[in-house]
C-alpha atoms as a PDB file:
ATOM      1  CA  MET A   1      25.397-117.363-112.935  1.00  0.00           C
ATOM      2  CA  THR A   2      27.529-117.953-116.174  1.00  0.00           C
ATOM      3  CA  LYS A   3      30.866-119.115-115.731  1.00  0.00           C
ATOM      4  CA  LYS A   4      33.832-117.296-116.377  1.00  0.00           C
ATOM      5  CA  GLN A   5      36.067-118.515-119.554  1.00  0.00           C
ATOM      6  CA  ASP A   6      38.686-119.658-118.493  1.00  0.00           C
ATOM      7  CA  LYS A   7      41.770-118.340-120.498  1.00  0.00           C
ATOM      8  CA  PHE A   8      44.192-121.120-122.305  1.00  0.00           C
ATOM      9  CA  LYS A   9      47.507-120.932-121.637  1.00  0.00           C
ATOM     10  CA  VAL A  10      50.349-121.592-123.437  1.00  0.00           C
ATOM     11  CA  TYR A  11      53.462-123.448-122.188  1.00  0.00           C
ATOM     12  CA  ILE A  12      56.836-124.114-123.800  1.00  0.00           C
ATOM     13  CA  ASP A  13      58.741-126.926-122.832  1.00  0.00           C
ATOM     14  CA  ASP A  14      62.381-126.807-124.025  1.00  0.00           C
ATOM     15  CA  ASN A  15      63.863-130.756-125.069  1.00  0.00           C
ATOM     16  CA  PHE A  16      66.727-129.663-124.561  1.00  0.00           C
ATOM     17  CA  HIS A  17      65.970-130.486-120.396  1.00  0.00           C
ATOM     18  CA  TYR A  18      63.187-133.503-121.553  1.00  0.00           C
ATOM     19  CA  MET A  19      61.388-134.085-118.556  1.00  0.00           C
ATOM     20  CA  ASN A  20      62.602-131.059-116.769  1.00  0.00           C
ATOM     21  CA  GLU A  21      59.358-129.009-115.987  1.00  0.00           C
ATOM     22  CA  GLY A  22      61.886-126.342-113.805  1.00  0.00           C
ATOM     23  CA  SER A  23      62.853-125.467-117.148  1.00  0.00           C
ATOM     24  CA  ARG A  24      59.100-124.714-118.831  1.00  0.00           C
ATOM     25  CA  GLN A  25      58.521-120.983-119.630  1.00  0.00           C
ATOM     26  CA  PHE A  26      54.635-119.986-119.385  1.00  0.00           C
ATOM     27  CA  ASP A  27      54.454-118.013-123.161  1.00  0.00           C
ATOM     28  CA  GLY A  28      50.740-116.018-121.955  1.00  0.00           C
ATOM     29  CA  GLU A  29      47.058-116.771-121.484  1.00  0.00           C
ATOM     30  CA  TYR A  30      44.294-116.116-124.938  1.00  0.00           C
ATOM     31  CA  ASP A  31      40.587-115.803-125.290  1.00  0.00           C
ATOM     32  CA  THR A  32      40.397-118.638-127.362  1.00  0.00           C
ATOM     33  CA  TYR A  33      41.991-121.720-128.241  1.00  0.00           C
ATOM     34  CA  GLU A  34      42.676-121.234-131.896  1.00  0.00           C
ATOM     35  CA  GLU A  35      44.752-118.632-130.618  1.00  0.00           C
ATOM     36  CA  ALA A  36      46.647-120.895-128.694  1.00  0.00           C
ATOM     37  CA  GLU A  37      46.618-123.147-131.209  1.00  0.00           C
ATOM     38  CA  ASP A  38      47.933-120.761-134.038  1.00  0.00           C
ATOM     39  CA  ARG A  39      51.301-119.131-131.224  1.00  0.00           C
ATOM     40  CA  CYS A  40      51.742-122.816-130.588  1.00  0.00           C
ATOM     41  CA  LYS A  41      52.702-123.182-133.905  1.00  0.00           C
ATOM     42  CA  GLU A  42      54.488-120.258-134.588  1.00  0.00           C
ATOM     43  CA  ILE A  43      56.944-121.652-131.908  1.00  0.00           C
ATOM     44  CA  VAL A  44      57.319-124.072-133.307  1.00  0.00           C
ATOM     45  CA  GLU A  45      58.051-122.175-136.264  1.00  0.00           C
ATOM     46  CA  LYS A  46      60.965-120.501-135.185  1.00  0.00           C
ATOM     47  CA  SER A  47      62.285-122.460-133.051  1.00  0.00           C
ATOM     48  CA  ILE A  48      63.001-125.012-136.463  1.00  0.00           C
ATOM     49  CA  MET A  49      64.237-121.078-138.182  1.00  0.00           C
ATOM     50  CA  GLU A  50      66.428-120.887-136.393  1.00  0.00           C
ATOM     51  CA  PHE A  51      68.846-124.078-137.115  1.00  0.00           C
ATOM     52  CA  TYR A  52      67.970-123.583-140.281  1.00  0.00           C
ATOM     53  CA  LYS A  53      71.448-122.878-142.781  1.00  0.00           C
ATOM     54  CA  PRO A  54      72.854-123.948-145.532  1.00  0.00           C
ATOM     55  CA  GLY A  55      72.425-127.494-147.488  1.00  0.00           C
ATOM     56  CA  ILE A  56      70.637-128.246-144.157  1.00  0.00           C
ATOM     57  CA  THR A  57      68.164-131.113-145.486  1.00  0.00           C
ATOM     58  CA  GLU A  58      65.237-132.263-143.712  1.00  0.00           C
ATOM     59  CA  SER A  59      66.198-134.653-141.971  1.00  0.00           C
ATOM     60  CA  GLU A  60      69.360-133.079-139.768  1.00  0.00           C
ATOM     61  CA  LEU A  61      66.464-129.523-139.795  1.00  0.00           C
ATOM     62  CA  SER A  62      64.538-132.142-137.784  1.00  0.00           C
ATOM     63  CA  GLN A  63      66.776-133.728-135.290  1.00  0.00           C
ATOM     64  CA  GLY A  64      67.868-130.324-134.822  1.00  0.00           C
ATOM     65  CA  TYR A  65      64.233-129.363-133.378  1.00  0.00           C
ATOM     66  CA  PHE A  66      63.657-132.677-131.483  1.00  0.00           C
ATOM     67  CA  VAL A  67      66.832-132.717-129.244  1.00  0.00           C
ATOM     68  CA  TYR A  68      67.261-128.339-128.981  1.00  0.00           C
ATOM     69  CA  GLY A  69      63.516-127.262-129.667  1.00  0.00           C
ATOM     70  CA  GLU A  70      60.941-125.869-127.663  1.00  0.00           C
ATOM     71  CA  GLU A  71      57.786-127.872-127.603  1.00  0.00           C
ATOM     72  CA  PRO A  72      54.787-125.929-126.490  1.00  0.00           C
ATOM     73  CA  PHE A  73      51.523-126.874-125.408  1.00  0.00           C
ATOM     74  CA  VAL A  74      48.224-126.086-124.539  1.00  0.00           C
ATOM     75  CA  ILE A  75      46.470-125.958-121.009  1.00  0.00           C
ATOM     76  CA  PRO A  76      43.263-126.180-120.620  1.00  0.00           C
ATOM     77  CA  THR A  77      42.779-128.045-123.815  1.00  0.00           C
ATOM     78  CA  PRO A  78      38.756-128.615-125.006  1.00  0.00           C
ATOM     79  CA  ALA A  79      37.149-131.625-125.291  1.00  0.00           C
ATOM     80  CA  GLY A  80      37.073-133.048-129.268  1.00  0.00           C
ATOM     81  CA  LYS A  81      40.251-130.268-130.184  1.00  0.00           C
ATOM     82  CA  CYS A  82      43.609-132.044-130.904  1.00  0.00           C
ATOM     83  CA  PHE A  83      47.155-129.257-130.775  1.00  0.00           C
ATOM     84  CA  PRO A  84      48.769-132.236-133.230  1.00  0.00           C
ATOM     85  CA  THR A  85      51.684-133.953-131.497  1.00  0.00           C
ATOM     86  CA  THR A  86      54.641-131.318-132.196  1.00  0.00           C
ATOM     87  CA  HIS A  87      56.098-133.952-133.261  1.00  0.00           C
ATOM     88  CA  ASP A  88      54.258-134.093-136.083  1.00  0.00           C
ATOM     89  CA  TYR A  89      53.211-130.713-136.895  1.00  0.00           C
ATOM     90  CA  ARG A  90      58.067-130.399-136.782  1.00  0.00           C
ATOM     91  CA  MET A  91      57.860-132.788-139.297  1.00  0.00           C
ATOM     92  CA  SER A  92      55.553-130.633-141.955  1.00  0.00           C
ATOM     93  CA  VAL A  93      57.313-127.957-141.054  1.00  0.00           C
ATOM     94  CA  ALA A  94      60.997-129.644-141.127  1.00  0.00           C
ATOM     95  CA  LYS A  95      60.145-130.625-145.226  1.00  0.00           C
ATOM     96  CA  SER A  96      57.792-127.757-146.146  1.00  0.00           C
ATOM     97  CA  PHE A  97      61.097-125.248-145.074  1.00  0.00           C
ATOM     98  CA  SER A  98      64.462-127.101-146.346  1.00  0.00           C
ATOM     99  CA  CYS A  99      62.047-128.316-149.214  1.00  0.00           C
ATOM    100  CA  ARG A 100      60.698-124.340-149.530  1.00  0.00           C
ATOM    101  CA  CYS A 101      64.731-123.266-149.609  1.00  0.00           C
ATOM    102  CA  ARG A 102      66.401-125.858-151.591  1.00  0.00           C
ATOM    103  CA  TYR A 103      64.147-124.798-154.550  1.00  0.00           C
ATOM    104  CA  ASN A 104      64.394-120.758-153.992  1.00  0.00           C
ATOM    105  CA  LYS A 105      67.180-120.495-152.549  1.00  0.00           C
ATOM    106  CA  ARG A 106      66.408-117.505-150.467  1.00  0.00           C
ATOM    107  CA  LEU A 107      64.291-118.080-147.539  1.00  0.00           C
ATOM    108  CA  PHE A 108      61.560-115.202-146.527  1.00  0.00           C
ATOM    109  CA  SER A 109      59.682-117.082-143.807  1.00  0.00           C
ATOM    110  CA  ILE A 110      57.486-120.466-144.696  1.00  0.00           C
ATOM    111  CA  ASP A 111      54.546-121.526-145.497  1.00  0.00           C
ATOM    112  CA  LYS A 112      51.724-122.433-142.961  1.00  0.00           C
ATOM    113  CA  VAL A 113      52.003-125.867-142.066  1.00  0.00           C
ATOM    114  CA  THR A 114      47.995-127.278-141.646  1.00  0.00           C
ATOM    115  CA  LEU A 115      47.451-131.087-140.997  1.00  0.00           C
END
């Protein structure tokens, strides 16, 4: 008898309520870790985009996310897999986002960032 594969669950913590598990949200279940990881990246990107305004710097964008953004994570995390720390991913997205905005002056979407 084979053991049923557990689903990968994505949860979201709110940086504004740091360390308050009562404010944690359940986002969804995914069949593969990669799907759950992609969803975490989407959540980080969307959260960062909410802080964008014309002329914002990478530092200001990152700081807004750090104070008020959403921190997603996956349970369980398989052995040998590791979602980049949200901090590292946030910094990469903020840099990509602010550079693209600065050079293109118009933003329709951000490029996917890979670490």
